[in-house]
Amino acid sequence: AQADAVMLYYKLLTPGLVRFLQERGVPVYAYTVDDPRAIRRLRAMGVHVIASNRPELLLQG
């Protein structure tokens, strides 16, 4: 059996873990990310979904 998705606290996500999951077709979700630098880092890793208490940060480039 395979997971439909994995949701982890963002500080637990590493590039290697994200890559491992993506190679297996498992979307990666991160929560709760309220730091702009962390959002940029997660986007660069290819995280599919980022949950935040500050959605305006997600709209910034």
C-alpha atoms as a PDB file:
ATOM      1  CA  ALA A   1       0.000   0.000   0.000  1.00  0.00           C
ATOM      2  CA  GLN A   2       1.131   3.537  -0.686  1.00  0.00           C
ATOM      3  CA  ALA A   3       0.273   6.789   1.044  1.00  0.00           C
ATOM      4  CA  ASP A   4      -1.929   9.235  -0.852  1.00  0.00           C
ATOM      5  CA  ALA A   5       0.142  12.111   0.569  1.00  0.00           C
ATOM      6  CA  VAL A   6       2.477  12.933   3.449  1.00  0.00           C
ATOM      7  CA  MET A   7       1.913  15.949   5.699  1.00  0.00           C
ATOM      8  CA  LEU A   8       4.750  16.866   8.040  1.00  0.00           C
ATOM      9  CA  TYR A   9       5.770  19.735  10.251  1.00  0.00           C
ATOM     10  CA  TYR A  10       7.953  21.802   7.948  1.00  0.00           C
ATOM     11  CA  LYS A  11      11.090  21.613  10.087  1.00  0.00           C
ATOM     12  CA  LEU A  12      11.158  17.839   9.575  1.00  0.00           C
ATOM     13  CA  LEU A  13      11.346  18.089   5.787  1.00  0.00           C
ATOM     14  CA  THR A  14      14.712  17.713   4.101  1.00  0.00           C
ATOM     15  CA  PRO A  15      15.543  17.818   0.403  1.00  0.00           C
ATOM     16  CA  GLY A  16      16.369  14.111   0.512  1.00  0.00           C
ATOM     17  CA  LEU A  17      13.069  13.151   2.122  1.00  0.00           C
ATOM     18  CA  VAL A  18      11.049  15.283  -0.283  1.00  0.00           C
ATOM     19  CA  ARG A  19      12.914  13.787  -3.249  1.00  0.00           C
ATOM     20  CA  PHE A  20      12.393  10.251  -1.890  1.00  0.00           C
ATOM     21  CA  LEU A  21       8.643  10.795  -1.601  1.00  0.00           C
ATOM     22  CA  GLN A  22       8.330  12.552  -4.952  1.00  0.00           C
ATOM     23  CA  GLU A  23      10.158   9.714  -6.708  1.00  0.00           C
ATOM     24  CA  ARG A  24       7.416   7.444  -5.400  1.00  0.00           C
ATOM     25  CA  GLY A  25       4.619   9.743  -6.531  1.00  0.00           C
ATOM     26  CA  VAL A  26       3.678  10.849  -3.017  1.00  0.00           C
ATOM     27  CA  PRO A  27       2.729  14.533  -2.683  1.00  0.00           C
ATOM     28  CA  VAL A  28       4.376  16.360   0.209  1.00  0.00           C
ATOM     29  CA  TYR A  29       2.474  18.831   2.414  1.00  0.00           C
ATOM     30  CA  ALA A  30       4.115  21.092   4.999  1.00  0.00           C
ATOM     31  CA  TYR A  31       2.519  22.804   7.994  1.00  0.00           C
ATOM     32  CA  THR A  32       2.441  25.442   9.692  1.00  0.00           C
ATOM     33  CA  VAL A  33       4.906  27.707   7.907  1.00  0.00           C
ATOM     34  CA  ASP A  34       4.851  31.375   8.890  1.00  0.00           C
ATOM     35  CA  ASP A  35       8.454  32.208   7.999  1.00  0.00           C
ATOM     36  CA  PRO A  36       9.121  33.645   4.510  1.00  0.00           C
ATOM     37  CA  ARG A  37      12.586  32.058   4.302  1.00  0.00           C
ATOM     38  CA  ALA A  38      11.181  28.647   5.155  1.00  0.00           C
ATOM     39  CA  ILE A  39       8.472  29.062   2.514  1.00  0.00           C
ATOM     40  CA  ARG A  40      11.108  29.808  -0.122  1.00  0.00           C
ATOM     41  CA  ARG A  41      13.170  26.808   1.006  1.00  0.00           C
ATOM     42  CA  LEU A  42      10.182  24.465   0.845  1.00  0.00           C
ATOM     43  CA  ARG A  43       9.194  25.730  -2.588  1.00  0.00           C
ATOM     44  CA  ALA A  44      12.743  25.135  -3.808  1.00  0.00           C
ATOM     45  CA  MET A  45      12.504  21.560  -2.491  1.00  0.00           C
ATOM     46  CA  GLY A  46       9.311  21.019  -4.461  1.00  0.00           C
ATOM     47  CA  VAL A  47       6.857  20.719  -1.572  1.00  0.00           C
ATOM     48  CA  HIS A  48       3.366  20.521  -3.082  1.00  0.00           C
ATOM     49  CA  VAL A  49       1.279  22.215  -0.372  1.00  0.00           C
ATOM     50  CA  ILE A  50       2.300  24.721   2.295  1.00  0.00           C
ATOM     51  CA  ALA A  51      -0.113  25.550   5.120  1.00  0.00           C
ATOM     52  CA  SER A  52       0.350  28.871   6.902  1.00  0.00           C
ATOM     53  CA  ASN A  53      -1.335  31.185   9.385  1.00  0.00           C
ATOM     54  CA  ARG A  54      -0.095  34.021   7.163  1.00  0.00           C
ATOM     55  CA  PRO A  55      -1.452  33.278   3.676  1.00  0.00           C
ATOM     56  CA  GLU A  56      -0.204  36.621   2.361  1.00  0.00           C
ATOM     57  CA  LEU A  57       3.318  35.193   2.600  1.00  0.00           C
ATOM     58  CA  LEU A  58       2.364  32.435   0.194  1.00  0.00           C
ATOM     59  CA  LEU A  59       1.350  34.998  -2.410  1.00  0.00           C
ATOM     60  CA  GLN A  60       4.771  36.620  -2.388  1.00  0.00           C
ATOM     61  CA  GLY A  61       7.350  35.464  -4.917  1.00  0.00           C
END
